[in-house]
Amino acid sequence: MSRATQSARIASVRPQSLDKRVSILGAARELVARVGFREAQMTGVAEEAGVALATLYRNFPSKAALMVEVVAAVSQREVDVAAGVAMGDGTAAERLAASASLFASRALLGRKLAHALIAEPVEPEIEAARLKYRRKLARVFETIIEQGIRAKEFPSQDVQASSACIVGSLIEGLVGPLALDTLSTDAERQAQARAIVGFCLRGVSGREVSF
């Protein structure tokens, strides 16, 4: 076989392999969104993706390796959405409220996936990936707070501490017990989300902020 023929074969296989990985990641995400990390098994992912179990393990050697990539993909999308709002128009307070509110509303819309992404007990590898997500989300809020301080909207403060408190408030207040409370209504959840965002804004601005 000539070198040119070998190169052509490799080039044709790579896109197929990439497509397979994308399909598997999508299937794993859908399964986690229904049952969480703990109940999402490799056999279920293979069935969801329509691939053989051996094919799944060729692409992802373990469940933990697969779920780390699920966390990375889903969390990056959420960070990108929040960052898009944070970099939009408006005052720092308006953008902080909008990005925090969007995070909250998306978490409440996809409660099972949000709980898995943030709060469900997981293996150390997955927890490490989740911590990276928290840090990325915190950096979005850090940027807004820094801009607000420079514009004299917000008082001088420890930006990293403030952004970490916002992330913690959102996670503990929404994605944990609230997000999984099947007895509360959507209106009650939204009211709780608004109260938490208001709390974050007061903490950063030092005053009551309408949003």
N, C-alpha and C. Protein backbone atom coordinates (compact mmCIF):
# COMPACT_ATOMS: atom_id res chain seq x y z
N MET A 1 0.85 -1.20 0.00
CA MET A 1 0.00 0.00 0.00
C MET A 1 0.88 1.25 0.00
N SER A 2 0.59 2.19 -0.89
CA SER A 2 1.40 3.40 -0.97
C SER A 2 1.13 4.30 0.23
N ARG A 3 2.09 5.22 0.46
CA ARG A 3 1.93 6.15 1.57
C ARG A 3 0.73 7.06 1.36
N ALA A 4 0.48 7.44 0.12
CA ALA A 4 -0.66 8.30 -0.20
C ALA A 4 -1.97 7.59 0.11
N THR A 5 -2.04 6.29 -0.20
CA THR A 5 -3.26 5.53 0.08
C THR A 5 -3.48 5.39 1.57
N GLN A 6 -2.39 5.15 2.32
CA GLN A 6 -2.51 5.04 3.78
C GLN A 6 -3.00 6.36 4.39
N SER A 7 -2.47 7.47 3.90
CA SER A 7 -2.87 8.78 4.41
C SER A 7 -4.34 9.04 4.13
N ALA A 8 -4.80 8.63 2.95
CA ALA A 8 -6.20 8.84 2.58
C ALA A 8 -7.12 8.03 3.48
N ARG A 9 -6.70 6.80 3.81
CA ARG A 9 -7.52 5.96 4.69
C ARG A 9 -7.60 6.55 6.09
N ILE A 10 -6.45 7.03 6.60
CA ILE A 10 -6.43 7.64 7.93
C ILE A 10 -7.33 8.86 7.97
N ALA A 11 -7.25 9.67 6.92
CA ALA A 11 -8.06 10.89 6.86
C ALA A 11 -9.54 10.57 6.84
N SER A 12 -9.93 9.45 6.20
CA SER A 12 -11.35 9.09 6.12
C SER A 12 -11.85 8.50 7.42
N VAL A 13 -10.94 7.86 8.20
CA VAL A 13 -11.33 7.23 9.45
C VAL A 13 -11.50 8.27 10.55
N ARG A 14 -10.63 9.29 10.58
CA ARG A 14 -10.65 10.25 11.66
C ARG A 14 -11.99 10.97 11.82
N PRO A 15 -12.60 11.49 10.74
CA PRO A 15 -13.90 12.14 10.92
C PRO A 15 -14.96 11.18 11.46
N GLN A 16 -14.92 9.91 11.02
CA GLN A 16 -15.88 8.93 11.51
C GLN A 16 -15.68 8.69 13.00
N SER A 17 -14.41 8.58 13.41
CA SER A 17 -14.11 8.37 14.82
C SER A 17 -14.55 9.57 15.65
N LEU A 18 -14.31 10.78 15.13
CA LEU A 18 -14.73 11.98 15.83
C LEU A 18 -16.24 12.04 15.96
N ASP A 19 -16.95 11.72 14.88
CA ASP A 19 -18.41 11.70 14.91
C ASP A 19 -18.92 10.71 15.95
N LYS A 20 -18.24 9.56 16.05
CA LYS A 20 -18.65 8.54 17.01
C LYS A 20 -18.50 9.07 18.44
N ARG A 21 -17.40 9.75 18.71
CA ARG A 21 -17.18 10.31 20.04
C ARG A 21 -18.24 11.36 20.38
N VAL A 22 -18.53 12.20 19.40
CA VAL A 22 -19.56 13.23 19.61
C VAL A 22 -20.91 12.58 19.90
N SER A 23 -21.23 11.53 19.16
CA SER A 23 -22.49 10.82 19.36
C SER A 23 -22.55 10.19 20.75
N ILE A 24 -21.45 9.60 21.17
CA ILE A 24 -21.40 8.97 22.49
C ILE A 24 -21.53 10.02 23.59
N LEU A 25 -20.83 11.13 23.45
CA LEU A 25 -20.92 12.19 24.45
C LEU A 25 -22.34 12.74 24.55
N GLY A 26 -22.99 12.90 23.40
CA GLY A 26 -24.37 13.36 23.41
C GLY A 26 -25.29 12.38 24.10
N ALA A 27 -25.09 11.10 23.83
CA ALA A 27 -25.91 10.07 24.47
C ALA A 27 -25.68 10.03 25.98
N ALA A 28 -24.42 10.16 26.39
CA ALA A 28 -24.10 10.16 27.82
C ALA A 28 -24.74 11.36 28.51
N ARG A 29 -24.69 12.50 27.85
CA ARG A 29 -25.31 13.70 28.43
C ARG A 29 -26.81 13.50 28.62
N GLU A 30 -27.48 12.95 27.62
CA GLU A 30 -28.92 12.73 27.73
C GLU A 30 -29.25 11.75 28.84
N LEU A 31 -28.42 10.73 28.98
CA LEU A 31 -28.67 9.74 30.03
C LEU A 31 -28.46 10.35 31.41
N VAL A 32 -27.39 11.12 31.57
CA VAL A 32 -27.15 11.79 32.85
C VAL A 32 -28.28 12.75 33.18
N ALA A 33 -28.80 13.44 32.16
CA ALA A 33 -29.90 14.38 32.38
C ALA A 33 -31.16 13.67 32.88
N ARG A 34 -31.28 12.38 32.60
CA ARG A 34 -32.45 11.63 33.06
C ARG A 34 -32.23 10.96 34.40
N VAL A 35 -31.03 10.39 34.61
CA VAL A 35 -30.84 9.54 35.79
C VAL A 35 -29.69 9.98 36.69
N GLY A 36 -28.87 10.94 36.28
CA GLY A 36 -27.73 11.36 37.08
C GLY A 36 -26.50 10.53 36.78
N PHE A 37 -25.36 10.94 37.36
CA PHE A 37 -24.10 10.26 37.11
C PHE A 37 -24.09 8.84 37.67
N ARG A 38 -24.58 8.68 38.89
CA ARG A 38 -24.46 7.39 39.56
C ARG A 38 -25.19 6.29 38.80
N GLU A 39 -26.38 6.58 38.30
CA GLU A 39 -27.19 5.56 37.62
C GLU A 39 -26.87 5.43 36.14
N ALA A 40 -26.08 6.34 35.60
CA ALA A 40 -25.71 6.26 34.18
C ALA A 40 -24.59 5.24 34.01
N GLN A 41 -24.91 4.08 33.48
CA GLN A 41 -23.94 3.02 33.29
C GLN A 41 -23.47 2.96 31.84
N MET A 42 -22.31 2.34 31.64
CA MET A 42 -21.73 2.28 30.30
C MET A 42 -22.63 1.50 29.34
N THR A 43 -23.28 0.46 29.83
CA THR A 43 -24.19 -0.30 28.96
C THR A 43 -25.34 0.59 28.49
N GLY A 44 -25.85 1.42 29.41
CA GLY A 44 -26.93 2.33 29.04
C GLY A 44 -26.49 3.37 28.04
N VAL A 45 -25.26 3.89 28.20
CA VAL A 45 -24.73 4.87 27.25
C VAL A 45 -24.60 4.24 25.88
N ALA A 46 -24.08 3.00 25.83
CA ALA A 46 -23.92 2.31 24.55
C ALA A 46 -25.27 2.13 23.85
N GLU A 47 -26.27 1.74 24.62
CA GLU A 47 -27.61 1.58 24.04
C GLU A 47 -28.16 2.91 23.55
N GLU A 48 -27.96 3.98 24.35
CA GLU A 48 -28.45 5.30 23.98
C GLU A 48 -27.78 5.80 22.70
N ALA A 49 -26.49 5.50 22.57
CA ALA A 49 -25.73 5.96 21.40
C ALA A 49 -25.88 5.04 20.21
N GLY A 50 -26.40 3.85 20.43
CA GLY A 50 -26.55 2.90 19.33
C GLY A 50 -25.23 2.31 18.88
N VAL A 51 -24.31 2.09 19.83
CA VAL A 51 -23.01 1.51 19.50
C VAL A 51 -22.77 0.28 20.36
N ALA A 52 -21.84 -0.54 19.92
CA ALA A 52 -21.46 -1.71 20.71
C ALA A 52 -20.69 -1.25 21.95
N LEU A 53 -20.79 -2.04 23.01
CA LEU A 53 -20.09 -1.69 24.24
C LEU A 53 -18.59 -1.63 24.01
N ALA A 54 -18.08 -2.51 23.15
CA ALA A 54 -16.64 -2.51 22.83
C ALA A 54 -16.24 -1.19 22.16
N THR A 55 -17.11 -0.68 21.30
CA THR A 55 -16.85 0.59 20.63
C THR A 55 -16.80 1.72 21.64
N LEU A 56 -17.71 1.67 22.60
CA LEU A 56 -17.73 2.69 23.65
C LEU A 56 -16.42 2.69 24.43
N TYR A 57 -15.95 1.51 24.80
CA TYR A 57 -14.72 1.42 25.58
C TYR A 57 -13.48 1.75 24.76
N ARG A 58 -13.54 1.60 23.44
CA ARG A 58 -12.41 2.02 22.61
C ARG A 58 -12.27 3.54 22.63
N ASN A 59 -13.40 4.23 22.74
CA ASN A 59 -13.38 5.69 22.75
C ASN A 59 -13.18 6.27 24.15
N PHE A 60 -13.74 5.57 25.14
CA PHE A 60 -13.63 6.03 26.53
C PHE A 60 -13.31 4.81 27.39
N PRO A 61 -12.09 4.74 27.93
CA PRO A 61 -11.66 3.52 28.62
C PRO A 61 -12.38 3.22 29.92
N SER A 62 -13.09 4.22 30.49
CA SER A 62 -13.80 4.00 31.74
C SER A 62 -14.99 4.95 31.83
N LYS A 63 -15.89 4.64 32.73
CA LYS A 63 -17.03 5.52 32.96
C LYS A 63 -16.57 6.89 33.44
N ALA A 64 -15.58 6.89 34.33
CA ALA A 64 -15.09 8.16 34.85
C ALA A 64 -14.52 9.03 33.74
N ALA A 65 -13.77 8.42 32.83
CA ALA A 65 -13.19 9.18 31.71
C ALA A 65 -14.29 9.78 30.85
N LEU A 66 -15.34 9.02 30.61
CA LEU A 66 -16.46 9.52 29.82
C LEU A 66 -17.17 10.66 30.53
N MET A 67 -17.44 10.48 31.81
CA MET A 67 -18.19 11.50 32.54
C MET A 67 -17.39 12.79 32.74
N VAL A 68 -16.07 12.67 32.82
CA VAL A 68 -15.24 13.87 32.89
C VAL A 68 -15.43 14.71 31.62
N GLU A 69 -15.50 14.05 30.48
CA GLU A 69 -15.70 14.78 29.23
C GLU A 69 -17.12 15.33 29.13
N VAL A 70 -18.08 14.63 29.68
CA VAL A 70 -19.45 15.16 29.71
C VAL A 70 -19.48 16.44 30.54
N VAL A 71 -18.87 16.41 31.70
CA VAL A 71 -18.82 17.60 32.56
C VAL A 71 -18.14 18.74 31.83
N ALA A 72 -17.01 18.46 31.18
CA ALA A 72 -16.26 19.50 30.48
C ALA A 72 -17.10 20.13 29.37
N ALA A 73 -17.78 19.30 28.59
CA ALA A 73 -18.56 19.81 27.47
C ALA A 73 -19.77 20.62 27.93
N VAL A 74 -20.51 20.08 28.88
CA VAL A 74 -21.72 20.76 29.34
C VAL A 74 -21.36 22.04 30.09
N SER A 75 -20.36 21.97 30.95
CA SER A 75 -20.00 23.14 31.75
C SER A 75 -19.44 24.26 30.88
N GLN A 76 -18.67 23.91 29.85
CA GLN A 76 -18.14 24.95 28.98
C GLN A 76 -19.27 25.68 28.26
N ARG A 77 -20.27 24.94 27.87
CA ARG A 77 -21.43 25.58 27.22
C ARG A 77 -22.12 26.54 28.18
N GLU A 78 -22.29 26.14 29.43
CA GLU A 78 -22.93 27.01 30.41
C GLU A 78 -22.09 28.26 30.70
N VAL A 79 -20.79 28.07 30.79
CA VAL A 79 -19.90 29.21 31.02
C VAL A 79 -19.96 30.17 29.83
N ASP A 80 -19.97 29.62 28.63
CA ASP A 80 -20.03 30.47 27.43
C ASP A 80 -21.32 31.28 27.39
N VAL A 81 -22.43 30.65 27.78
CA VAL A 81 -23.71 31.37 27.80
C VAL A 81 -23.67 32.51 28.80
N ALA A 82 -23.18 32.23 30.01
CA ALA A 82 -23.08 33.26 31.04
C ALA A 82 -22.13 34.37 30.62
N ALA A 83 -21.01 34.00 30.01
CA ALA A 83 -20.03 34.99 29.57
C ALA A 83 -20.59 35.87 28.47
N GLY A 84 -21.40 35.30 27.60
CA GLY A 84 -22.01 36.09 26.54
C GLY A 84 -22.88 37.21 27.09
N VAL A 85 -23.64 36.88 28.13
CA VAL A 85 -24.47 37.91 28.78
C VAL A 85 -23.59 38.90 29.54
N ALA A 86 -22.58 38.39 30.21
CA ALA A 86 -21.71 39.25 31.01
C ALA A 86 -20.99 40.29 30.16
N MET A 87 -20.69 39.95 28.93
CA MET A 87 -19.97 40.87 28.05
C MET A 87 -20.89 41.73 27.20
N GLY A 88 -22.18 41.67 27.47
CA GLY A 88 -23.15 42.44 26.70
C GLY A 88 -23.23 43.89 27.15
N ASP A 89 -24.31 44.54 26.77
CA ASP A 89 -24.51 45.94 27.13
C ASP A 89 -25.10 46.06 28.53
N GLY A 90 -25.03 47.28 29.08
CA GLY A 90 -25.63 47.55 30.38
C GLY A 90 -24.59 47.83 31.44
N THR A 91 -25.08 48.25 32.60
CA THR A 91 -24.19 48.50 33.72
C THR A 91 -23.65 47.18 34.27
N ALA A 92 -22.64 47.29 35.12
CA ALA A 92 -22.08 46.07 35.73
C ALA A 92 -23.15 45.35 36.55
N ALA A 93 -23.96 46.11 37.28
CA ALA A 93 -25.02 45.50 38.10
C ALA A 93 -26.04 44.79 37.22
N GLU A 94 -26.41 45.41 36.11
CA GLU A 94 -27.38 44.79 35.21
C GLU A 94 -26.83 43.51 34.61
N ARG A 95 -25.56 43.54 34.21
CA ARG A 95 -24.96 42.34 33.60
C ARG A 95 -24.73 41.24 34.62
N LEU A 96 -24.38 41.63 35.83
CA LEU A 96 -24.22 40.63 36.89
C LEU A 96 -25.56 39.96 37.19
N ALA A 97 -26.61 40.75 37.29
CA ALA A 97 -27.94 40.21 37.54
C ALA A 97 -28.39 39.31 36.39
N ALA A 98 -28.13 39.75 35.17
CA ALA A 98 -28.57 38.98 34.00
C ALA A 98 -27.84 37.65 33.89
N SER A 99 -26.52 37.66 34.10
CA SER A 99 -25.76 36.41 33.97
C SER A 99 -26.08 35.44 35.10
N ALA A 100 -26.24 35.95 36.33
CA ALA A 100 -26.59 35.08 37.45
C ALA A 100 -28.01 34.53 37.29
N SER A 101 -28.93 35.38 36.82
CA SER A 101 -30.31 34.94 36.61
C SER A 101 -30.39 33.90 35.52
N LEU A 102 -29.60 34.08 34.46
CA LEU A 102 -29.60 33.10 33.36
C LEU A 102 -29.07 31.76 33.85
N PHE A 103 -27.99 31.79 34.62
CA PHE A 103 -27.48 30.54 35.19
C PHE A 103 -28.56 29.83 36.00
N ALA A 104 -29.26 30.61 36.84
CA ALA A 104 -30.29 30.04 37.70
C ALA A 104 -31.44 29.45 36.89
N SER A 105 -31.90 30.19 35.89
CA SER A 105 -33.05 29.73 35.11
C SER A 105 -32.69 28.48 34.30
N ARG A 106 -31.49 28.43 33.76
CA ARG A 106 -31.08 27.24 33.00
C ARG A 106 -30.93 26.04 33.93
N ALA A 107 -30.44 26.27 35.14
CA ALA A 107 -30.32 25.18 36.10
C ALA A 107 -31.68 24.62 36.47
N LEU A 108 -32.66 25.51 36.65
CA LEU A 108 -33.99 25.06 37.04
C LEU A 108 -34.72 24.37 35.90
N LEU A 109 -34.39 24.74 34.67
CA LEU A 109 -35.02 24.08 33.52
C LEU A 109 -34.49 22.66 33.34
N GLY A 110 -33.21 22.47 33.64
CA GLY A 110 -32.60 21.14 33.52
C GLY A 110 -32.13 20.67 34.87
N ARG A 111 -33.07 20.45 35.78
CA ARG A 111 -32.73 20.25 37.18
C ARG A 111 -31.88 19.01 37.43
N LYS A 112 -32.21 17.90 36.78
CA LYS A 112 -31.45 16.66 37.02
C LYS A 112 -30.02 16.80 36.53
N LEU A 113 -29.84 17.37 35.33
CA LEU A 113 -28.50 17.55 34.80
C LEU A 113 -27.73 18.56 35.63
N ALA A 114 -28.38 19.64 36.04
CA ALA A 114 -27.72 20.66 36.85
C ALA A 114 -27.26 20.08 38.19
N HIS A 115 -28.11 19.28 38.80
CA HIS A 115 -27.73 18.65 40.08
C HIS A 115 -26.54 17.73 39.90
N ALA A 116 -26.56 16.95 38.82
CA ALA A 116 -25.44 16.05 38.54
C ALA A 116 -24.16 16.85 38.28
N LEU A 117 -24.30 17.93 37.55
CA LEU A 117 -23.14 18.73 37.17
C LEU A 117 -22.50 19.41 38.36
N ILE A 118 -23.29 19.68 39.39
CA ILE A 118 -22.79 20.49 40.50
C ILE A 118 -22.69 19.72 41.81
N ALA A 119 -23.72 18.97 42.17
CA ALA A 119 -23.86 18.54 43.55
C ALA A 119 -23.85 17.03 43.81
N GLU A 120 -24.09 16.21 42.82
CA GLU A 120 -24.20 14.77 43.05
C GLU A 120 -22.86 14.18 43.49
N PRO A 121 -22.84 13.29 44.49
CA PRO A 121 -21.59 12.63 44.87
C PRO A 121 -21.00 11.85 43.70
N VAL A 122 -19.71 12.09 43.41
CA VAL A 122 -19.07 11.49 42.24
C VAL A 122 -17.65 11.06 42.57
N GLU A 123 -17.00 10.40 41.59
CA GLU A 123 -15.62 10.00 41.74
C GLU A 123 -14.70 11.23 41.74
N PRO A 124 -13.50 11.09 42.31
CA PRO A 124 -12.58 12.24 42.39
C PRO A 124 -12.28 12.88 41.04
N GLU A 125 -12.15 12.07 39.97
CA GLU A 125 -11.85 12.64 38.66
C GLU A 125 -12.96 13.57 38.19
N ILE A 126 -14.21 13.15 38.41
CA ILE A 126 -15.35 13.96 38.00
C ILE A 126 -15.45 15.21 38.87
N GLU A 127 -15.19 15.05 40.16
CA GLU A 127 -15.22 16.20 41.06
C GLU A 127 -14.19 17.24 40.65
N ALA A 128 -13.01 16.79 40.21
CA ALA A 128 -11.98 17.72 39.76
C ALA A 128 -12.45 18.51 38.54
N ALA A 129 -13.16 17.83 37.63
CA ALA A 129 -13.70 18.52 36.46
C ALA A 129 -14.77 19.52 36.87
N ARG A 130 -15.58 19.19 37.87
CA ARG A 130 -16.61 20.11 38.33
C ARG A 130 -16.00 21.34 39.00
N LEU A 131 -14.90 21.16 39.71
CA LEU A 131 -14.24 22.30 40.34
C LEU A 131 -13.69 23.26 39.29
N LYS A 132 -13.20 22.71 38.18
CA LYS A 132 -12.76 23.57 37.09
C LYS A 132 -13.92 24.39 36.54
N TYR A 133 -15.10 23.78 36.47
CA TYR A 133 -16.30 24.49 36.02
C TYR A 133 -16.62 25.65 36.96
N ARG A 134 -16.57 25.40 38.25
CA ARG A 134 -16.86 26.46 39.21
C ARG A 134 -15.88 27.63 39.06
N ARG A 135 -14.61 27.30 38.85
CA ARG A 135 -13.62 28.36 38.71
C ARG A 135 -13.85 29.17 37.45
N LYS A 136 -14.20 28.49 36.36
CA LYS A 136 -14.48 29.21 35.12
C LYS A 136 -15.70 30.12 35.27
N LEU A 137 -16.73 29.62 35.93
CA LEU A 137 -17.93 30.43 36.15
C LEU A 137 -17.60 31.62 37.05
N ALA A 138 -16.79 31.38 38.08
CA ALA A 138 -16.40 32.46 38.97
C ALA A 138 -15.64 33.55 38.22
N ARG A 139 -14.81 33.16 37.25
CA ARG A 139 -14.06 34.16 36.50
C ARG A 139 -14.98 35.06 35.67
N VAL A 140 -16.11 34.53 35.22
CA VAL A 140 -17.09 35.36 34.52
C VAL A 140 -17.57 36.48 35.44
N PHE A 141 -17.91 36.11 36.68
CA PHE A 141 -18.39 37.10 37.64
C PHE A 141 -17.27 38.05 38.08
N GLU A 142 -16.05 37.51 38.17
CA GLU A 142 -14.91 38.37 38.52
C GLU A 142 -14.77 39.52 37.53
N THR A 143 -14.91 39.20 36.25
CA THR A 143 -14.75 40.23 35.21
C THR A 143 -15.77 41.35 35.39
N ILE A 144 -17.02 40.97 35.65
CA ILE A 144 -18.07 41.99 35.83
C ILE A 144 -17.79 42.82 37.07
N ILE A 145 -17.41 42.17 38.16
CA ILE A 145 -17.17 42.90 39.41
C ILE A 145 -16.00 43.87 39.23
N GLU A 146 -14.94 43.43 38.58
CA GLU A 146 -13.80 44.31 38.33
C GLU A 146 -14.22 45.53 37.53
N GLN A 147 -15.05 45.31 36.51
CA GLN A 147 -15.53 46.43 35.71
C GLN A 147 -16.40 47.36 36.54
N GLY A 148 -17.22 46.79 37.41
CA GLY A 148 -18.07 47.60 38.27
C GLY A 148 -17.28 48.44 39.25
N ILE A 149 -16.18 47.90 39.76
CA ILE A 149 -15.32 48.66 40.68
C ILE A 149 -14.66 49.82 39.94
N ARG A 150 -14.15 49.53 38.73
CA ARG A 150 -13.50 50.59 37.96
C ARG A 150 -14.48 51.70 37.59
N ALA A 151 -15.75 51.32 37.36
CA ALA A 151 -16.76 52.32 37.01
C ALA A 151 -17.39 52.98 38.23
N LYS A 152 -16.91 52.64 39.43
CA LYS A 152 -17.41 53.20 40.69
C LYS A 152 -18.85 52.77 40.98
N GLU A 153 -19.30 51.69 40.32
CA GLU A 153 -20.62 51.14 40.63
C GLU A 153 -20.58 50.30 41.90
N PHE A 154 -19.48 49.57 42.07
CA PHE A 154 -19.32 48.69 43.21
C PHE A 154 -18.19 49.22 44.10
N PRO A 155 -18.29 49.01 45.40
CA PRO A 155 -17.19 49.40 46.29
C PRO A 155 -15.98 48.49 46.10
N SER A 156 -14.81 48.96 46.52
CA SER A 156 -13.62 48.12 46.46
C SER A 156 -13.83 46.87 47.30
N GLN A 157 -13.39 45.72 46.80
CA GLN A 157 -13.62 44.45 47.50
C GLN A 157 -12.68 43.39 46.95
N ASP A 158 -12.63 42.25 47.63
CA ASP A 158 -11.86 41.11 47.16
C ASP A 158 -12.67 40.45 46.04
N VAL A 159 -12.25 40.67 44.82
CA VAL A 159 -13.03 40.23 43.66
C VAL A 159 -13.17 38.72 43.62
N GLN A 160 -12.10 38.01 43.89
CA GLN A 160 -12.16 36.55 43.85
C GLN A 160 -13.09 36.00 44.92
N ALA A 161 -13.03 36.58 46.11
CA ALA A 161 -13.91 36.12 47.19
C ALA A 161 -15.37 36.40 46.84
N SER A 162 -15.64 37.58 46.31
CA SER A 162 -17.02 37.94 45.97
C SER A 162 -17.58 37.02 44.88
N SER A 163 -16.79 36.76 43.85
CA SER A 163 -17.27 35.90 42.76
C SER A 163 -17.47 34.46 43.25
N ALA A 164 -16.57 34.00 44.13
CA ALA A 164 -16.74 32.65 44.69
C ALA A 164 -18.01 32.56 45.52
N CYS A 165 -18.33 33.64 46.26
CA CYS A 165 -19.56 33.65 47.05
C CYS A 165 -20.80 33.62 46.16
N ILE A 166 -20.74 34.29 45.01
CA ILE A 166 -21.87 34.26 44.08
C ILE A 166 -22.09 32.84 43.57
N VAL A 167 -21.01 32.20 43.14
CA VAL A 167 -21.12 30.83 42.64
C VAL A 167 -21.65 29.91 43.74
N GLY A 168 -21.13 30.06 44.95
CA GLY A 168 -21.59 29.22 46.05
C GLY A 168 -23.05 29.44 46.38
N SER A 169 -23.48 30.70 46.35
CA SER A 169 -24.88 30.99 46.64
C SER A 169 -25.81 30.38 45.60
N LEU A 170 -25.43 30.51 44.35
CA LEU A 170 -26.25 29.95 43.27
C LEU A 170 -26.32 28.44 43.37
N ILE A 171 -25.17 27.82 43.59
CA ILE A 171 -25.13 26.36 43.63
C ILE A 171 -25.91 25.82 44.83
N GLU A 172 -25.61 26.33 46.01
CA GLU A 172 -26.25 25.80 47.21
C GLU A 172 -27.73 26.17 47.26
N GLY A 173 -28.07 27.35 46.79
CA GLY A 173 -29.46 27.79 46.87
C GLY A 173 -30.37 27.22 45.83
N LEU A 174 -29.81 26.88 44.65
CA LEU A 174 -30.67 26.47 43.54
C LEU A 174 -30.48 25.03 43.11
N VAL A 175 -29.24 24.65 42.88
CA VAL A 175 -29.01 23.37 42.24
C VAL A 175 -29.07 22.21 43.22
N GLY A 176 -28.98 22.52 44.50
CA GLY A 176 -29.07 21.47 45.50
C GLY A 176 -30.48 21.14 45.88
N PRO A 177 -30.89 21.42 47.11
CA PRO A 177 -32.22 20.99 47.57
C PRO A 177 -33.36 21.64 46.81
N LEU A 178 -33.23 22.89 46.39
CA LEU A 178 -34.33 23.54 45.69
C LEU A 178 -34.60 22.88 44.36
N ALA A 179 -33.56 22.65 43.58
CA ALA A 179 -33.73 22.12 42.24
C ALA A 179 -34.36 20.74 42.23
N LEU A 180 -34.17 19.98 43.31
CA LEU A 180 -34.72 18.62 43.34
C LEU A 180 -35.97 18.50 44.20
N ASP A 181 -36.49 19.63 44.67
CA ASP A 181 -37.68 19.61 45.51
C ASP A 181 -38.92 19.51 44.62
N THR A 182 -39.44 18.32 44.47
CA THR A 182 -40.57 18.12 43.58
C THR A 182 -41.87 18.68 44.14
N LEU A 183 -41.88 19.08 45.41
CA LEU A 183 -43.10 19.62 46.00
C LEU A 183 -43.28 21.10 45.71
N SER A 184 -42.19 21.82 45.37
CA SER A 184 -42.31 23.25 45.08
C SER A 184 -42.74 23.46 43.63
N THR A 185 -43.39 24.57 43.38
CA THR A 185 -43.86 24.89 42.04
C THR A 185 -42.79 25.65 41.27
N ASP A 186 -42.98 25.74 39.95
CA ASP A 186 -42.04 26.52 39.14
C ASP A 186 -42.00 27.97 39.60
N ALA A 187 -43.16 28.52 39.96
CA ALA A 187 -43.21 29.91 40.42
C ALA A 187 -42.41 30.08 41.71
N GLU A 188 -42.50 29.11 42.61
CA GLU A 188 -41.74 29.18 43.86
C GLU A 188 -40.25 29.07 43.60
N ARG A 189 -39.86 28.20 42.68
CA ARG A 189 -38.45 28.06 42.34
C ARG A 189 -37.91 29.35 41.74
N GLN A 190 -38.68 29.95 40.83
CA GLN A 190 -38.24 31.19 40.21
C GLN A 190 -38.14 32.32 41.24
N ALA A 191 -39.07 32.35 42.18
CA ALA A 191 -39.02 33.36 43.23
C ALA A 191 -37.78 33.17 44.09
N GLN A 192 -37.45 31.91 44.38
CA GLN A 192 -36.24 31.63 45.16
C GLN A 192 -35.00 32.05 44.39
N ALA A 193 -35.00 31.76 43.08
CA ALA A 193 -33.86 32.15 42.25
C ALA A 193 -33.68 33.66 42.27
N ARG A 194 -34.78 34.40 42.14
CA ARG A 194 -34.70 35.86 42.15
C ARG A 194 -34.18 36.38 43.50
N ALA A 195 -34.61 35.74 44.58
CA ALA A 195 -34.14 36.15 45.91
C ALA A 195 -32.64 35.92 46.06
N ILE A 196 -32.14 34.82 45.52
CA ILE A 196 -30.72 34.52 45.63
C ILE A 196 -29.90 35.49 44.79
N VAL A 197 -30.37 35.79 43.58
CA VAL A 197 -29.67 36.76 42.74
C VAL A 197 -29.66 38.13 43.42
N GLY A 198 -30.78 38.51 44.03
CA GLY A 198 -30.84 39.77 44.77
C GLY A 198 -29.84 39.81 45.91
N PHE A 199 -29.72 38.68 46.61
CA PHE A 199 -28.75 38.58 47.71
C PHE A 199 -27.33 38.79 47.19
N CYS A 200 -27.01 38.17 46.05
CA CYS A 200 -25.67 38.31 45.46
C CYS A 200 -25.40 39.76 45.06
N LEU A 201 -26.38 40.41 44.48
CA LEU A 201 -26.21 41.81 44.06
C LEU A 201 -25.99 42.73 45.27
N ARG A 202 -26.75 42.50 46.33
CA ARG A 202 -26.56 43.32 47.54
C ARG A 202 -25.17 43.12 48.12
N GLY A 203 -24.72 41.87 48.10
CA GLY A 203 -23.40 41.60 48.65
C GLY A 203 -22.28 42.29 47.89
N VAL A 204 -22.41 42.34 46.56
CA VAL A 204 -21.37 42.94 45.73
C VAL A 204 -21.46 44.46 45.71
N SER A 205 -22.70 44.99 45.62
CA SER A 205 -22.88 46.44 45.46
C SER A 205 -22.98 47.18 46.78
N GLY A 206 -23.35 46.47 47.85
CA GLY A 206 -23.52 47.12 49.15
C GLY A 206 -24.82 47.89 49.28
N ARG A 207 -25.74 47.62 48.35
CA ARG A 207 -27.03 48.32 48.41
C ARG A 207 -28.08 47.48 47.69
N GLU A 208 -29.33 47.86 47.83
CA GLU A 208 -30.43 47.21 47.13
C GLU A 208 -30.37 47.60 45.66
N VAL A 209 -30.42 46.60 44.77
CA VAL A 209 -30.36 46.86 43.33
C VAL A 209 -31.58 46.27 42.66
N SER A 210 -32.29 47.09 41.89
CA SER A 210 -33.45 46.60 41.15
C SER A 210 -32.98 45.86 39.90
N PHE A 211 -33.65 44.76 39.61
CA PHE A 211 -33.31 44.01 38.39
C PHE A 211 -34.53 43.25 37.91
